[in-house]
Amino acid sequence: MAVNRLLCVLLIIGTGIYASFYGGNISYALFYLSVLIPIISFLYTLYVYSRFKLYQTIGSRIVVKGDWTDYAFTITNEDFITYRNIKVKFLREKSIIEDTEQTAEYSLLPGEQDRLVSRIKCNYRGEYFIGVDSVEVTDFLYLFSITYPLGSKLKVSVLPRVLQLEQLGIAEPQVDVKNPLSNNNREEEELDTEIRKYSSGDNRKRIHWKASARHQELLTRKYQHRQRVEIILFMDLMDIKEDELKVTIVEDKIIESILAISNFYAVRGTSTQIVYEMVDKRQVTIRSKGEFNIFYKACINIRFEAKIPIYDLIKDRMLRGGEGSFYVVATHFLTKELYLTSLQVLARGIKLSVLFISDDLSEGTKKLKDGLRQAGVNIYQVMSDDEIDKVLSKEIG
């Protein structure tokens, strides 16, 4: 385009000099024509810029991260002149359109339209624009170009993935779906090996028949009280100071790891509690798949704007007791404060797993990780390229 502009300027200068020296109708006609060419080109560009039409459609405005959705756009020429050199640029940072380049160029005859029917996939959770980003209109001589930022872009709400786990390798063998959560941390009764004499009103199903036969009298099993294991998931929503794309990746992994663990227990009839801070401290109890689905849909509005560090949320939860509980912490920040809090957690008889979602491989971070492992914490570092489901499924060891 710069070369074409230079040639146009040289043409105007050349015809102007020629007309000045030689005069005559032809020389001046050439001069005026050379002046009119860029003016006509510019007016043509403005005209096409204001007249072309572009329409976009999508199968649904609410989609799931990683799922393909129907997408189509149509560009039309409803005018009486030909449109040349219309470049359509697509947004590519957070979404992908199947079998389509980032930029597509069109030329349309009067009354003609061009339609693209494809599929689109959103790569990250949240609310953002997809599809066409802008349209660039260029005149037929490639002298002028106007970029038209699309005013009515497609905005979608993208839900995070729910990863299906066959096993939860990060949990200790004692913390399984056979030991469900009691939401108010009440104690429950279980059969003991000790026996006593049968009393009127006792449940006959509790009679120990073999012992009764030996002692020639009815004996029944005693019951003891044991505390149910609580499964507490801590989701760190502190603001992450990284470049935009890395922030999005880390946020997605934190949310998806919590969802995967909670869903793992929900489909097996085991309750979990999700603890996080967004504006205020929140604790969501999930006892069933239905309650999980409600929380899942709300994840689209989660914002990483927490003011309270995750170790303070853990300390606050410890005040409620819970010896023998199982804590899982998903965080981007591995700090000395979290290390010290983890020691307090272990001292109370609480099992702890930490999902450290970061690419940080510094010496300080390595020392903190080693210290946590030596103390008895199961810690996993999840890198940007790691798959959450593979990390969660691996066995402890």
Protein backbone atom coordinates (compact mmCIF):
# COMPACT_ATOMS: atom_id res chain seq x y z
CA MET A 1 0.00 0.00 0.00
CA ALA A 2 2.86 2.40 0.74
CA VAL A 3 4.31 1.78 -2.73
CA ASN A 4 0.95 2.54 -4.35
CA ARG A 5 0.67 5.78 -2.43
CA LEU A 6 4.18 6.80 -3.44
CA LEU A 7 3.41 6.10 -7.10
CA CYS A 8 0.20 8.14 -6.83
CA VAL A 9 2.09 11.11 -5.34
CA LEU A 10 4.77 10.86 -8.02
CA LEU A 11 2.03 10.75 -10.68
CA ILE A 12 0.43 13.92 -9.34
CA ILE A 13 3.79 15.69 -9.16
CA GLY A 14 4.80 14.50 -12.63
CA THR A 15 1.54 15.52 -14.33
CA GLY A 16 1.64 18.83 -12.48
CA ILE A 17 5.16 19.59 -13.76
CA TYR A 18 4.19 18.48 -17.26
CA ALA A 19 1.12 20.77 -17.25
CA SER A 20 3.17 23.70 -15.95
CA PHE A 21 5.79 23.42 -18.71
CA TYR A 22 3.69 22.42 -21.68
CA GLY A 23 0.12 23.50 -20.87
CA GLY A 24 -2.76 22.40 -23.10
CA ASN A 25 -6.00 20.56 -22.41
CA ILE A 26 -4.49 17.07 -22.41
CA SER A 27 -1.75 17.85 -19.90
CA TYR A 28 -4.19 19.53 -17.50
CA ALA A 29 -6.70 16.70 -17.97
CA LEU A 30 -3.99 14.23 -16.94
CA PHE A 31 -3.14 16.37 -13.93
CA TYR A 32 -6.77 16.64 -12.76
CA LEU A 33 -7.27 12.91 -13.33
CA SER A 34 -4.22 12.09 -11.21
CA VAL A 35 -5.62 14.30 -8.43
CA LEU A 36 -9.10 12.76 -8.69
CA ILE A 37 -7.84 9.17 -8.48
CA PRO A 38 -6.95 9.23 -4.73
CA ILE A 39 -10.05 11.30 -3.96
CA ILE A 40 -12.31 8.78 -5.71
CA SER A 41 -10.48 5.90 -4.01
CA PHE A 42 -10.94 7.47 -0.59
CA LEU A 43 -14.64 8.18 -1.19
CA TYR A 44 -15.14 4.61 -2.41
CA THR A 45 -13.54 3.26 0.76
CA LEU A 46 -15.78 5.42 2.94
CA TYR A 47 -18.84 4.36 0.98
CA VAL A 48 -18.16 0.62 1.29
CA TYR A 49 -17.23 1.11 4.94
CA SER A 50 -20.64 2.58 5.68
CA ARG A 51 -22.72 0.26 3.48
CA PHE A 52 -21.58 -3.35 3.86
CA LYS A 53 -23.56 -5.68 6.17
CA LEU A 54 -22.27 -8.47 8.38
CA TYR A 55 -24.33 -10.87 10.50
CA GLN A 56 -23.19 -13.48 13.06
CA THR A 57 -25.05 -16.33 14.76
CA ILE A 58 -24.07 -18.93 17.33
CA GLY A 59 -25.81 -22.07 18.55
CA SER A 60 -25.95 -20.87 22.17
CA ARG A 61 -24.71 -17.88 24.14
CA ILE A 62 -23.94 -20.18 27.09
CA VAL A 63 -21.33 -22.81 26.23
CA VAL A 64 -18.93 -25.16 27.99
CA LYS A 65 -15.20 -24.66 27.70
CA GLY A 66 -13.72 -26.95 25.05
CA ASP A 67 -17.05 -27.91 23.44
CA TRP A 68 -17.72 -27.18 19.76
CA THR A 69 -20.75 -24.98 19.02
CA ASP A 70 -22.41 -24.11 15.71
CA TYR A 71 -21.26 -20.76 14.32
CA ALA A 72 -22.05 -18.84 11.13
CA PHE A 73 -21.52 -15.38 9.74
CA THR A 74 -22.75 -13.72 6.58
CA ILE A 75 -21.30 -10.72 4.75
CA THR A 76 -23.53 -9.10 2.11
CA ASN A 77 -23.41 -6.50 -0.63
CA GLU A 78 -26.88 -4.96 -0.86
CA ASP A 79 -25.64 -2.16 -3.12
CA PHE A 80 -25.29 -1.48 -6.87
CA ILE A 81 -21.47 -1.35 -6.96
CA THR A 82 -18.87 -4.06 -6.43
CA TYR A 83 -17.16 -4.33 -3.06
CA ARG A 84 -13.45 -5.16 -3.33
CA ASN A 85 -10.88 -6.14 -0.73
CA ILE A 86 -12.95 -6.62 2.42
CA LYS A 87 -10.87 -8.39 5.06
CA VAL A 88 -12.63 -10.00 8.01
CA LYS A 89 -10.46 -10.58 11.08
CA PHE A 90 -11.51 -13.12 13.71
CA LEU A 91 -10.81 -13.15 17.42
CA ARG A 92 -8.34 -15.95 18.11
CA GLU A 93 -6.90 -15.46 21.58
CA LYS A 94 -9.66 -17.26 23.50
CA SER A 95 -11.59 -19.13 20.80
CA ILE A 96 -11.02 -21.13 17.62
CA ILE A 97 -13.20 -21.31 14.52
CA GLU A 98 -12.94 -24.67 12.80
CA ASP A 99 -11.15 -24.75 9.42
CA THR A 100 -10.87 -20.96 9.24
CA GLU A 101 -7.84 -18.69 9.00
CA GLN A 102 -7.50 -15.68 11.28
CA THR A 103 -8.23 -13.34 8.35
CA ALA A 104 -10.57 -13.97 5.41
CA GLU A 105 -10.79 -11.69 2.35
CA TYR A 106 -13.94 -11.15 0.28
CA SER A 107 -14.96 -9.44 -2.97
CA LEU A 108 -18.70 -9.15 -3.56
CA LEU A 109 -20.64 -8.27 -6.69
CA PRO A 110 -23.84 -6.18 -6.37
CA GLY A 111 -26.49 -8.20 -4.52
CA GLU A 112 -24.03 -10.99 -3.66
CA GLN A 113 -23.39 -12.46 -0.23
CA ASP A 114 -20.85 -14.87 1.25
CA ARG A 115 -21.67 -17.13 4.16
CA LEU A 116 -19.40 -19.11 6.44
CA VAL A 117 -20.96 -22.05 8.32
CA SER A 118 -18.60 -23.66 10.79
CA ARG A 119 -18.11 -24.48 14.46
CA ILE A 120 -16.45 -22.50 17.21
CA LYS A 121 -14.74 -23.65 20.40
CA CYS A 122 -14.10 -21.48 23.46
CA ASN A 123 -10.85 -22.29 25.25
CA TYR A 124 -11.33 -20.51 28.57
CA ARG A 125 -13.99 -19.93 31.22
CA GLY A 126 -15.67 -16.55 31.64
CA GLU A 127 -17.53 -13.97 29.61
CA TYR A 128 -15.86 -12.60 26.49
CA PHE A 129 -16.30 -11.79 22.81
CA ILE A 130 -15.83 -14.35 20.04
CA GLY A 131 -16.20 -14.47 16.25
CA VAL A 132 -15.48 -11.41 14.09
CA ASP A 133 -13.22 -8.81 15.67
CA SER A 134 -12.99 -6.20 12.90
CA VAL A 135 -13.43 -5.60 9.18
CA GLU A 136 -10.83 -3.85 7.03
CA VAL A 137 -12.05 -2.11 3.85
CA THR A 138 -9.49 -1.26 1.13
CA ASP A 139 -10.07 0.60 -2.13
CA PHE A 140 -9.50 -1.01 -5.54
CA LEU A 141 -6.09 0.71 -6.00
CA TYR A 142 -4.84 -0.18 -2.49
CA LEU A 143 -4.34 3.45 -1.54
CA PHE A 144 -6.56 3.67 1.54
CA SER A 145 -7.68 1.28 4.22
CA ILE A 146 -10.24 1.73 6.98
CA THR A 147 -10.62 -0.72 9.85
CA TYR A 148 -14.15 -1.14 11.08
CA PRO A 149 -14.26 -2.36 14.72
CA LEU A 150 -17.42 -4.42 14.93
CA GLY A 151 -19.86 -2.76 17.32
CA SER A 152 -22.15 -5.76 17.80
CA LYS A 153 -19.69 -8.51 18.67
CA LEU A 154 -20.81 -11.92 19.88
CA LYS A 155 -20.50 -12.20 23.64
CA VAL A 156 -20.70 -15.65 25.22
CA SER A 157 -20.73 -17.01 28.74
CA VAL A 158 -18.35 -19.96 29.00
CA LEU A 159 -18.76 -22.48 31.80
CA PRO A 160 -15.72 -24.39 33.07
CA ARG A 161 -15.26 -28.07 32.30
CA VAL A 162 -16.36 -30.74 34.73
CA LEU A 163 -13.66 -33.39 34.55
CA GLN A 164 -14.87 -36.93 35.23
CA LEU A 165 -12.54 -38.82 37.58
CA GLU A 166 -12.54 -42.59 37.94
CA GLN A 167 -10.40 -42.31 41.05
CA LEU A 168 -9.14 -39.52 43.30
CA GLY A 169 -5.49 -40.33 43.74
CA ILE A 170 -4.68 -37.23 45.80
CA ALA A 171 -6.88 -38.43 48.67
CA GLU A 172 -5.51 -40.71 51.37
CA PRO A 173 -6.94 -44.26 51.29
CA GLN A 174 -8.83 -43.54 54.53
CA VAL A 175 -10.63 -40.59 52.92
CA ASP A 176 -12.97 -42.29 50.50
CA VAL A 177 -16.58 -42.28 49.44
CA LYS A 178 -17.48 -44.87 52.09
CA ASN A 179 -16.91 -42.29 54.81
CA PRO A 180 -19.29 -39.44 53.94
CA LEU A 181 -19.46 -35.95 55.35
CA SER A 182 -21.77 -34.97 58.15
CA ASN A 183 -22.56 -31.33 57.50
CA ASN A 184 -22.84 -30.32 61.14
CA ASN A 185 -19.93 -32.53 62.18
CA ARG A 186 -22.16 -34.64 64.45
CA GLU A 187 -20.95 -37.98 65.70
CA GLU A 188 -22.57 -41.18 64.45
CA GLU A 189 -22.93 -44.61 65.97
CA GLU A 190 -21.24 -47.74 64.69
CA LEU A 191 -21.13 -51.30 65.92
CA ASP A 192 -18.37 -52.17 68.36
CA THR A 193 -16.88 -55.60 69.09
CA GLU A 194 -18.02 -55.47 72.75
CA ILE A 195 -21.34 -57.05 73.75
CA ARG A 196 -23.87 -56.68 76.59
CA LYS A 197 -26.99 -58.38 77.80
CA TYR A 198 -30.07 -57.96 75.66
CA SER A 199 -32.66 -55.54 77.13
CA SER A 200 -36.30 -55.24 76.27
CA GLY A 201 -36.72 -52.75 73.43
CA ASP A 202 -33.31 -53.38 71.85
CA ASN A 203 -33.24 -53.88 68.09
CA ARG A 204 -33.27 -57.64 67.47
CA LYS A 205 -31.04 -57.10 64.42
CA ARG A 206 -28.22 -56.17 66.81
CA ILE A 207 -28.32 -59.51 68.66
CA HIS A 208 -25.01 -61.36 68.51
CA TRP A 209 -26.36 -64.87 67.90
CA LYS A 210 -23.06 -66.75 68.11
CA ALA A 211 -22.16 -65.15 71.44
CA SER A 212 -25.70 -65.72 72.70
CA ALA A 213 -25.44 -69.43 71.88
CA ARG A 214 -22.14 -69.72 73.74
CA HIS A 215 -23.39 -67.97 76.88
CA GLN A 216 -26.91 -69.43 76.76
CA GLU A 217 -28.47 -65.95 76.97
CA LEU A 218 -29.33 -63.17 74.54
CA LEU A 219 -26.48 -60.74 73.99
CA THR A 220 -26.39 -57.64 71.79
CA ARG A 221 -23.56 -55.60 70.34
CA LYS A 222 -22.60 -52.32 71.94
CA TYR A 223 -22.36 -49.13 69.86
CA GLN A 224 -19.57 -46.60 69.89
CA HIS A 225 -19.48 -43.06 68.58
CA ARG A 226 -17.14 -41.95 65.85
CA GLN A 227 -16.78 -38.63 64.09
CA ARG A 228 -17.45 -38.50 60.38
CA VAL A 229 -14.68 -37.25 58.07
CA GLU A 230 -15.30 -33.81 56.61
CA ILE A 231 -14.06 -33.11 53.08
CA ILE A 232 -13.27 -29.39 52.81
CA LEU A 233 -12.15 -27.83 49.51
CA PHE A 234 -10.46 -24.41 49.69
CA MET A 235 -10.54 -22.35 46.50
CA ASP A 236 -8.04 -19.46 46.44
CA LEU A 237 -9.51 -16.46 44.57
CA MET A 238 -6.70 -13.98 45.23
CA ASP A 239 -5.80 -11.71 42.29
CA ILE A 240 -3.04 -13.25 40.14
CA LYS A 241 -0.27 -10.98 38.83
CA GLU A 242 0.70 -12.56 35.51
CA ASP A 243 0.10 -11.83 31.84
CA GLU A 244 -3.56 -12.05 30.79
CA LEU A 245 -3.44 -15.45 29.10
CA LYS A 246 -1.53 -17.12 31.95
CA VAL A 247 -3.94 -15.63 34.49
CA THR A 248 -6.86 -17.13 32.57
CA ILE A 249 -5.18 -20.56 32.46
CA VAL A 250 -4.42 -20.57 36.20
CA GLU A 251 -7.92 -19.40 37.14
CA ASP A 252 -9.47 -22.15 35.01
CA LYS A 253 -7.30 -24.83 36.59
CA ILE A 254 -8.13 -23.71 40.14
CA ILE A 255 -11.88 -23.77 39.48
CA GLU A 256 -11.81 -27.01 37.46
CA SER A 257 -9.80 -28.85 40.10
CA ILE A 258 -12.32 -27.94 42.82
CA LEU A 259 -15.23 -28.87 40.53
CA ALA A 260 -13.65 -32.20 39.58
CA ILE A 261 -13.13 -33.23 43.22
CA SER A 262 -16.58 -32.09 44.34
CA ASN A 263 -18.22 -33.84 41.38
CA PHE A 264 -16.26 -37.02 42.13
CA TYR A 265 -17.79 -37.16 45.60
CA ALA A 266 -21.24 -35.87 44.57
CA VAL A 267 -21.88 -38.68 42.07
CA ARG A 268 -20.97 -41.16 44.82
CA GLY A 269 -23.35 -39.62 47.34
CA THR A 270 -20.64 -38.05 49.50
CA SER A 271 -20.82 -34.42 50.63
CA THR A 272 -18.16 -31.75 50.34
CA GLN A 273 -17.82 -28.18 51.48
CA ILE A 274 -16.26 -25.54 49.23
CA VAL A 275 -14.74 -22.60 51.06
CA TYR A 276 -13.70 -19.37 49.32
CA GLU A 277 -13.91 -15.59 49.62
CA MET A 278 -15.55 -13.35 47.05
CA VAL A 279 -16.76 -10.07 48.58
CA ASP A 280 -17.36 -12.09 51.75
CA LYS A 281 -16.47 -15.50 53.16
CA ARG A 282 -18.51 -18.26 51.59
CA GLN A 283 -19.04 -21.92 52.32
CA VAL A 284 -21.06 -24.00 49.89
CA THR A 285 -22.15 -27.46 50.94
CA ILE A 286 -22.72 -29.96 48.14
CA ARG A 287 -24.59 -33.11 49.13
CA SER A 288 -25.93 -34.24 45.75
CA LYS A 289 -25.49 -33.92 42.00
CA GLY A 290 -28.33 -31.40 41.92
CA GLU A 291 -26.59 -29.09 44.40
CA PHE A 292 -23.37 -29.53 42.46
CA ASN A 293 -25.09 -28.39 39.24
CA ILE A 294 -26.35 -25.24 40.97
CA PHE A 295 -22.84 -24.34 42.13
CA TYR A 296 -21.39 -25.26 38.73
CA LYS A 297 -23.63 -22.78 36.91
CA ALA A 298 -22.66 -20.08 39.42
CA CYS A 299 -18.96 -20.60 38.60
CA ILE A 300 -19.37 -18.46 35.50
CA ASN A 301 -19.61 -15.42 37.80
CA ILE A 302 -16.62 -16.26 40.00
CA ARG A 303 -14.10 -13.41 40.10
CA PHE A 304 -10.55 -13.63 41.42
CA GLU A 305 -10.80 -10.57 43.64
CA ALA A 306 -10.38 -12.05 47.12
CA LYS A 307 -8.90 -9.85 49.85
CA ILE A 308 -8.40 -12.60 52.43
CA PRO A 309 -5.43 -14.95 51.84
CA ILE A 310 -6.21 -18.66 51.68
CA TYR A 311 -4.27 -19.49 54.87
CA ASP A 312 -6.62 -17.22 56.86
CA LEU A 313 -9.63 -19.08 55.46
CA ILE A 314 -8.01 -22.36 56.54
CA LYS A 315 -7.34 -21.03 60.05
CA ASP A 316 -10.91 -19.80 60.32
CA ARG A 317 -12.24 -23.23 59.29
CA MET A 318 -9.96 -25.03 61.77
CA LEU A 319 -11.57 -23.13 64.64
CA ARG A 320 -14.69 -25.22 64.05
CA GLY A 321 -12.79 -28.42 64.81
CA GLY A 322 -12.69 -31.41 62.50
CA GLU A 323 -10.05 -33.84 63.69
CA GLY A 324 -9.62 -36.52 61.04
CA SER A 325 -10.96 -34.26 58.26
CA PHE A 326 -9.54 -33.99 54.76
CA TYR A 327 -8.56 -30.58 53.37
CA VAL A 328 -7.75 -29.83 49.73
CA VAL A 329 -6.29 -26.41 48.86
CA ALA A 330 -6.15 -25.15 45.26
CA THR A 331 -3.94 -22.06 45.06
CA HIS A 332 -1.49 -20.12 42.92
CA PHE A 333 0.47 -18.84 45.92
CA LEU A 334 2.90 -20.96 47.93
CA THR A 335 3.99 -18.83 50.87
CA LYS A 336 5.63 -19.17 54.27
CA GLU A 337 2.29 -18.33 55.90
CA LEU A 338 0.60 -21.21 54.06
CA TYR A 339 3.44 -23.50 55.14
CA LEU A 340 3.02 -22.56 58.83
CA THR A 341 -0.76 -22.92 58.58
CA SER A 342 -0.31 -26.37 57.03
CA LEU A 343 1.72 -27.44 60.06
CA GLN A 344 -1.16 -26.38 62.31
CA VAL A 345 -3.59 -28.34 60.14
CA LEU A 346 -1.51 -31.51 60.42
CA ALA A 347 -1.07 -31.03 64.17
CA ARG A 348 -4.87 -31.22 64.54
CA GLY A 349 -4.96 -34.60 62.83
CA ILE A 350 -6.32 -33.21 59.57
CA LYS A 351 -5.10 -34.68 56.30
CA LEU A 352 -4.04 -32.07 53.74
CA SER A 353 -3.42 -32.02 49.99
CA VAL A 354 -2.26 -28.85 48.19
CA LEU A 355 -2.67 -28.21 44.47
CA PHE A 356 -0.06 -25.59 43.65
CA ILE A 357 -1.09 -24.27 40.24
CA SER A 358 1.91 -22.34 38.96
CA ASP A 359 4.92 -22.52 36.65
CA ASP A 360 7.17 -21.15 39.43
CA LEU A 361 10.29 -23.32 39.73
CA SER A 362 12.39 -20.96 41.81
CA GLU A 363 14.65 -22.20 44.60
CA GLY A 364 12.46 -20.60 47.28
CA THR A 365 9.38 -22.39 45.99
CA LYS A 366 11.26 -25.70 45.85
CA LYS A 367 12.25 -25.35 49.52
CA LEU A 368 8.66 -24.66 50.55
CA LYS A 369 7.44 -27.70 48.58
CA ASP A 370 10.10 -29.93 50.16
CA GLY A 371 9.24 -28.63 53.62
CA LEU A 372 5.55 -29.34 53.13
CA ARG A 373 6.23 -32.87 51.89
CA GLN A 374 8.53 -33.60 54.85
CA ALA A 375 5.82 -32.36 57.21
CA GLY A 376 3.29 -34.78 55.70
CA VAL A 377 1.41 -32.61 53.19
CA ASN A 378 0.58 -34.15 49.82
CA ILE A 379 1.55 -31.34 47.45
CA TYR A 380 1.24 -31.35 43.67
CA GLN A 381 2.52 -28.66 41.34
CA VAL A 382 0.28 -28.21 38.31
CA MET A 383 1.99 -26.53 35.37
CA SER A 384 0.22 -24.62 32.59
CA ASP A 385 0.46 -27.59 30.22
CA ASP A 386 -0.64 -30.21 32.76
CA GLU A 387 -4.07 -31.83 32.60
CA ILE A 388 -5.95 -31.45 35.89
CA ASP A 389 -7.68 -34.84 35.65
CA LYS A 390 -4.35 -36.65 35.30
CA VAL A 391 -2.89 -34.85 38.32
CA LEU A 392 -5.95 -35.57 40.48
CA SER A 393 -6.03 -39.23 39.49
CA LYS A 394 -2.38 -40.03 40.18
CA GLU A 395 -1.66 -42.05 43.26
CA ILE A 396 0.03 -40.59 46.29
CA GLY A 397 3.61 -41.64 46.65
